[in-house]
Amino acid sequence: MKFSNFINHLEEWLITLLLASMTLLTFSQVVARYIFNSGAVWALEVTTYLFAWLVLLGASYVIKCGAHIAVDSVVNLFSEKNRRLITLFAISACMAFVIVMFIGSYEYVSLLKEIEIEMEDLPVLEWQAKIILPLGFALMFYRLIEVMLDVINNKTATMHFDSHTGDYQE
């Protein structure tokens, strides 16, 4: 199995698991509060961290699929060659942003690991729950490299997915 396929399946599996976990946990808390007049104190904190994991893994996955929000009406006025250049510039700008965020999140998680703070409601170290920050940005960088290679190899001229054809827009 190719590394990229492994990452694809892992992301899809984790996103599904996170979304299902959040839904079940939130539903159970609604039932517990409105029917039994009780609930788990830790549920909100867990749901918050699950959501953070979902967002960062989802951002990486959306880059892979080319399904992120984009306003490219001006870019589409250019020739295919110029669209490729603009897309490469946009990918480079995204890579710079992701690198800055990766460095900051890595330093933050490293500090949390050093001082060993636990989460408020669970006996779990905060750095373990927040490790998704540098991992998510590293995955986004990997996905941006994949898209950049597709543009360079003339597989696409843009980063955006076309829902009608099931492929990147040309």
C-alpha atoms as a PDB file:
ATOM      1  CA  MET A   1       0.000   0.000   0.000  1.00  0.00           C
ATOM      2  CA  LYS A   2       1.320   3.398  -0.964  1.00  0.00           C
ATOM      3  CA  PHE A   3       2.082   5.823   1.871  1.00  0.00           C
ATOM      4  CA  SER A   4      -0.379   8.354   0.468  1.00  0.00           C
ATOM      5  CA  ASN A   5      -3.159   5.741   0.380  1.00  0.00           C
ATOM      6  CA  PHE A   6      -2.347   4.751   3.954  1.00  0.00           C
ATOM      7  CA  ILE A   7      -2.622   8.402   5.066  1.00  0.00           C
ATOM      8  CA  ASN A   8      -5.892   8.763   3.097  1.00  0.00           C
ATOM      9  CA  HIS A   9      -7.474   5.757   4.785  1.00  0.00           C
ATOM     10  CA  LEU A  10      -6.166   6.725   8.219  1.00  0.00           C
ATOM     11  CA  GLU A  11      -7.565  10.260   7.877  1.00  0.00           C
ATOM     12  CA  GLU A  12     -10.934   9.021   6.647  1.00  0.00           C
ATOM     13  CA  TRP A  13     -11.153   6.446   9.436  1.00  0.00           C
ATOM     14  CA  LEU A  14     -10.165   8.944  12.144  1.00  0.00           C
ATOM     15  CA  ILE A  15     -12.547  11.624  10.866  1.00  0.00           C
ATOM     16  CA  THR A  16     -15.396   9.101  10.861  1.00  0.00           C
ATOM     17  CA  LEU A  17     -14.497   7.870  14.340  1.00  0.00           C
ATOM     18  CA  LEU A  18     -14.200  11.415  15.732  1.00  0.00           C
ATOM     19  CA  LEU A  19     -17.514  12.550  14.254  1.00  0.00           C
ATOM     20  CA  ALA A  20     -19.317   9.445  15.474  1.00  0.00           C
ATOM     21  CA  SER A  21     -17.773   9.775  18.951  1.00  0.00           C
ATOM     22  CA  MET A  22     -18.743  13.427  19.230  1.00  0.00           C
ATOM     23  CA  THR A  23     -22.285  12.695  18.093  1.00  0.00           C
ATOM     24  CA  LEU A  24     -22.779   9.773  20.473  1.00  0.00           C
ATOM     25  CA  LEU A  25     -21.224  11.591  23.423  1.00  0.00           C
ATOM     26  CA  THR A  26     -23.290  14.732  22.852  1.00  0.00           C
ATOM     27  CA  PHE A  27     -26.482  12.718  22.337  1.00  0.00           C
ATOM     28  CA  SER A  28     -25.846  10.726  25.520  1.00  0.00           C
ATOM     29  CA  GLN A  29     -25.376  13.951  27.462  1.00  0.00           C
ATOM     30  CA  VAL A  30     -28.628  15.402  26.126  1.00  0.00           C
ATOM     31  CA  VAL A  31     -30.464  12.228  27.144  1.00  0.00           C
ATOM     32  CA  ALA A  32     -28.725  12.171  30.542  1.00  0.00           C
ATOM     33  CA  ARG A  33     -29.568  15.798  31.295  1.00  0.00           C
ATOM     34  CA  TYR A  34     -33.155  15.925  30.061  1.00  0.00           C
ATOM     35  CA  ILE A  35     -34.322  12.468  31.102  1.00  0.00           C
ATOM     36  CA  PHE A  36     -32.166  11.577  34.114  1.00  0.00           C
ATOM     37  CA  ASN A  37     -31.270  15.123  35.242  1.00  0.00           C
ATOM     38  CA  SER A  38     -27.558  14.265  35.365  1.00  0.00           C
ATOM     39  CA  GLY A  39     -24.542  14.085  33.077  1.00  0.00           C
ATOM     40  CA  ALA A  40     -20.814  13.519  32.919  1.00  0.00           C
ATOM     41  CA  VAL A  41     -18.717  16.491  33.991  1.00  0.00           C
ATOM     42  CA  TRP A  42     -15.934  15.557  31.572  1.00  0.00           C
ATOM     43  CA  ALA A  43     -18.126  15.255  28.452  1.00  0.00           C
ATOM     44  CA  LEU A  44     -17.878  18.884  27.324  1.00  0.00           C
ATOM     45  CA  GLU A  45     -14.086  18.884  27.579  1.00  0.00           C
ATOM     46  CA  VAL A  46     -13.800  15.619  25.647  1.00  0.00           C
ATOM     47  CA  THR A  47     -16.178  16.879  22.967  1.00  0.00           C
ATOM     48  CA  THR A  48     -14.149  20.082  22.639  1.00  0.00           C
ATOM     49  CA  TYR A  49     -10.920  18.151  22.086  1.00  0.00           C
ATOM     50  CA  LEU A  50     -12.603  15.707  19.700  1.00  0.00           C
ATOM     51  CA  PHE A  51     -13.845  18.696  17.713  1.00  0.00           C
ATOM     52  CA  ALA A  52     -10.335  20.196  17.585  1.00  0.00           C
ATOM     53  CA  TRP A  53      -8.986  16.890  16.268  1.00  0.00           C
ATOM     54  CA  LEU A  54     -11.830  16.732  13.733  1.00  0.00           C
ATOM     55  CA  VAL A  55     -11.173  20.254  12.463  1.00  0.00           C
ATOM     56  CA  LEU A  56      -7.434  19.798  12.000  1.00  0.00           C
ATOM     57  CA  LEU A  57      -7.696  16.353  10.388  1.00  0.00           C
ATOM     58  CA  GLY A  58     -10.601  17.649   8.316  1.00  0.00           C
ATOM     59  CA  ALA A  59      -8.553  20.605   7.077  1.00  0.00           C
ATOM     60  CA  SER A  60      -5.880  18.224   5.827  1.00  0.00           C
ATOM     61  CA  TYR A  61      -8.469  15.977   4.215  1.00  0.00           C
ATOM     62  CA  VAL A  62     -10.176  18.933   2.526  1.00  0.00           C
ATOM     63  CA  ILE A  63      -6.858  20.008   0.999  1.00  0.00           C
ATOM     64  CA  LYS A  64      -6.479  16.485  -0.415  1.00  0.00           C
ATOM     65  CA  CYS A  65      -9.983  16.571  -1.867  1.00  0.00           C
ATOM     66  CA  GLY A  66      -9.734  20.170  -3.057  1.00  0.00           C
ATOM     67  CA  ALA A  67     -13.052  20.874  -1.349  1.00  0.00           C
ATOM     68  CA  HIS A  68     -12.075  23.959   0.639  1.00  0.00           C
ATOM     69  CA  ILE A  69     -13.890  27.234   0.172  1.00  0.00           C
ATOM     70  CA  ALA A  70     -12.454  29.300  -2.644  1.00  0.00           C
ATOM     71  CA  VAL A  71     -13.342  32.374  -4.610  1.00  0.00           C
ATOM     72  CA  ASP A  72     -11.562  31.896  -7.892  1.00  0.00           C
ATOM     73  CA  SER A  73     -13.687  33.863 -10.354  1.00  0.00           C
ATOM     74  CA  VAL A  74     -10.793  36.253 -11.082  1.00  0.00           C
ATOM     75  CA  VAL A  75      -8.243  33.435 -11.343  1.00  0.00           C
ATOM     76  CA  ASN A  76     -10.456  31.626 -13.876  1.00  0.00           C
ATOM     77  CA  LEU A  77     -10.122  34.627 -16.221  1.00  0.00           C
ATOM     78  CA  PHE A  78      -6.444  33.749 -16.772  1.00  0.00           C
ATOM     79  CA  SER A  79      -4.983  31.190 -19.146  1.00  0.00           C
ATOM     80  CA  GLU A  80      -4.258  27.690 -17.824  1.00  0.00           C
ATOM     81  CA  LYS A  81      -0.530  28.442 -17.573  1.00  0.00           C
ATOM     82  CA  ASN A  82      -1.151  31.569 -15.500  1.00  0.00           C
ATOM     83  CA  ARG A  83      -3.718  29.741 -13.351  1.00  0.00           C
ATOM     84  CA  ARG A  84      -1.037  27.174 -12.589  1.00  0.00           C
ATOM     85  CA  LEU A  85       1.388  29.932 -11.568  1.00  0.00           C
ATOM     86  CA  ILE A  86      -1.227  31.601  -9.379  1.00  0.00           C
ATOM     87  CA  THR A  87      -2.089  28.221  -7.847  1.00  0.00           C
ATOM     88  CA  LEU A  88       1.591  27.515  -7.128  1.00  0.00           C
ATOM     89  CA  PHE A  89       1.876  30.922  -5.463  1.00  0.00           C
ATOM     90  CA  ALA A  90      -1.250  30.230  -3.382  1.00  0.00           C
ATOM     91  CA  ILE A  91       0.089  26.813  -2.363  1.00  0.00           C
ATOM     92  CA  SER A  92       3.420  28.406  -1.388  1.00  0.00           C
ATOM     93  CA  ALA A  93       1.635  31.012   0.732  1.00  0.00           C
ATOM     94  CA  CYS A  94      -0.408  28.252   2.410  1.00  0.00           C
ATOM     95  CA  MET A  95       2.797  26.288   3.050  1.00  0.00           C
ATOM     96  CA  ALA A  96       4.420  29.312   4.680  1.00  0.00           C
ATOM     97  CA  PHE A  97       1.386  29.763   6.935  1.00  0.00           C
ATOM     98  CA  VAL A  98       1.316  26.057   7.841  1.00  0.00           C
ATOM     99  CA  ILE A  99       5.052  26.094   8.659  1.00  0.00           C
ATOM    100  CA  VAL A 100       4.594  29.064  11.011  1.00  0.00           C
ATOM    101  CA  MET A 101       1.624  27.376  12.679  1.00  0.00           C
ATOM    102  CA  PHE A 102       3.515  24.081  12.947  1.00  0.00           C
ATOM    103  CA  ILE A 103       6.486  25.739  14.650  1.00  0.00           C
ATOM    104  CA  GLY A 104       4.248  27.626  17.082  1.00  0.00           C
ATOM    105  CA  SER A 105       2.123  24.611  17.904  1.00  0.00           C
ATOM    106  CA  TYR A 106       5.169  22.376  18.308  1.00  0.00           C
ATOM    107  CA  GLU A 107       6.700  24.836  20.790  1.00  0.00           C
ATOM    108  CA  TYR A 108       3.376  25.106  22.626  1.00  0.00           C
ATOM    109  CA  VAL A 109       2.905  21.337  22.909  1.00  0.00           C
ATOM    110  CA  SER A 110       6.552  20.913  23.927  1.00  0.00           C
ATOM    111  CA  LEU A 111       6.047  23.441  26.730  1.00  0.00           C
ATOM    112  CA  LEU A 112       2.882  21.647  27.855  1.00  0.00           C
ATOM    113  CA  LYS A 113       4.801  18.372  27.898  1.00  0.00           C
ATOM    114  CA  GLU A 114       7.566  19.959  29.938  1.00  0.00           C
ATOM    115  CA  ILE A 115       5.253  21.387  32.618  1.00  0.00           C
ATOM    116  CA  GLU A 116       2.910  18.351  32.651  1.00  0.00           C
ATOM    117  CA  ILE A 117      -0.445  20.075  33.137  1.00  0.00           C
ATOM    118  CA  GLU A 118      -3.474  17.787  33.244  1.00  0.00           C
ATOM    119  CA  MET A 119      -6.793  18.495  31.573  1.00  0.00           C
ATOM    120  CA  GLU A 120      -9.423  20.053  33.845  1.00  0.00           C
ATOM    121  CA  ASP A 121     -11.841  17.149  34.064  1.00  0.00           C
ATOM    122  CA  LEU A 122      -9.791  14.111  33.038  1.00  0.00           C
ATOM    123  CA  PRO A 123      -6.542  12.598  34.300  1.00  0.00           C
ATOM    124  CA  VAL A 124      -4.903  13.082  30.886  1.00  0.00           C
ATOM    125  CA  LEU A 125      -1.954  15.358  30.234  1.00  0.00           C
ATOM    126  CA  GLU A 126      -2.899  18.372  28.128  1.00  0.00           C
ATOM    127  CA  TRP A 127      -0.043  17.892  25.674  1.00  0.00           C
ATOM    128  CA  GLN A 128      -1.433  14.463  24.792  1.00  0.00           C
ATOM    129  CA  ALA A 129      -4.794  15.951  23.868  1.00  0.00           C
ATOM    130  CA  LYS A 130      -3.211  18.860  21.990  1.00  0.00           C
ATOM    131  CA  ILE A 131      -0.639  16.824  20.039  1.00  0.00           C
ATOM    132  CA  ILE A 132      -3.026  17.143  17.093  1.00  0.00           C
ATOM    133  CA  LEU A 133      -1.870  20.755  16.634  1.00  0.00           C
ATOM    134  CA  PRO A 134       1.590  19.999  15.193  1.00  0.00           C
ATOM    135  CA  LEU A 135       0.363  16.720  13.668  1.00  0.00           C
ATOM    136  CA  GLY A 136      -2.506  18.464  11.894  1.00  0.00           C
ATOM    137  CA  PHE A 137      -0.279  21.177  10.462  1.00  0.00           C
ATOM    138  CA  ALA A 138       2.289  18.569   9.370  1.00  0.00           C
ATOM    139  CA  LEU A 139      -0.491  16.673   7.563  1.00  0.00           C
ATOM    140  CA  MET A 140      -1.677  19.886   5.912  1.00  0.00           C
ATOM    141  CA  PHE A 141       1.875  20.546   4.707  1.00  0.00           C
ATOM    142  CA  TYR A 142       2.060  17.011   3.294  1.00  0.00           C
ATOM    143  CA  ARG A 143      -1.248  17.514   1.473  1.00  0.00           C
ATOM    144  CA  LEU A 144      -0.081  20.851   0.067  1.00  0.00           C
ATOM    145  CA  ILE A 145       3.033  19.135  -1.294  1.00  0.00           C
ATOM    146  CA  GLU A 146       0.796  16.531  -2.975  1.00  0.00           C
ATOM    147  CA  VAL A 147      -1.325  19.232  -4.606  1.00  0.00           C
ATOM    148  CA  MET A 148       1.772  21.201  -5.619  1.00  0.00           C
ATOM    149  CA  LEU A 149       3.199  18.101  -7.328  1.00  0.00           C
ATOM    150  CA  ASP A 150      -0.108  17.606  -9.166  1.00  0.00           C
ATOM    151  CA  VAL A 151       0.080  21.190 -10.438  1.00  0.00           C
ATOM    152  CA  ILE A 152       3.752  20.871 -11.419  1.00  0.00           C
ATOM    153  CA  ASN A 153       3.076  17.544 -13.199  1.00  0.00           C
ATOM    154  CA  ASN A 154       0.173  19.108 -15.141  1.00  0.00           C
ATOM    155  CA  LYS A 155      -2.465  16.906 -13.484  1.00  0.00           C
ATOM    156  CA  THR A 156      -4.395  20.021 -12.484  1.00  0.00           C
ATOM    157  CA  ALA A 157      -4.236  23.780 -12.808  1.00  0.00           C
ATOM    158  CA  THR A 158      -6.041  24.564  -9.567  1.00  0.00           C
ATOM    159  CA  MET A 159      -6.511  23.371  -5.989  1.00  0.00           C
ATOM    160  CA  HIS A 160     -10.299  23.152  -6.180  1.00  0.00           C
ATOM    161  CA  PHE A 161     -12.437  20.075  -6.583  1.00  0.00           C
ATOM    162  CA  ASP A 162     -15.199  20.013  -9.171  1.00  0.00           C
ATOM    163  CA  SER A 163     -18.217  18.200  -7.696  1.00  0.00           C
ATOM    164  CA  HIS A 164     -19.689  17.602 -11.156  1.00  0.00           C
ATOM    165  CA  THR A 165     -16.764  15.696 -12.666  1.00  0.00           C
ATOM    166  CA  GLY A 166     -15.304  14.253  -9.485  1.00  0.00           C
ATOM    167  CA  ASP A 167     -11.880  15.698 -10.210  1.00  0.00           C
ATOM    168  CA  TYR A 168      -9.903  18.870  -9.716  1.00  0.00           C
ATOM    169  CA  GLN A 169     -11.163  21.824 -11.724  1.00  0.00           C
ATOM    170  CA  GLU A 170      -9.246  22.631 -14.886  1.00  0.00           C
END
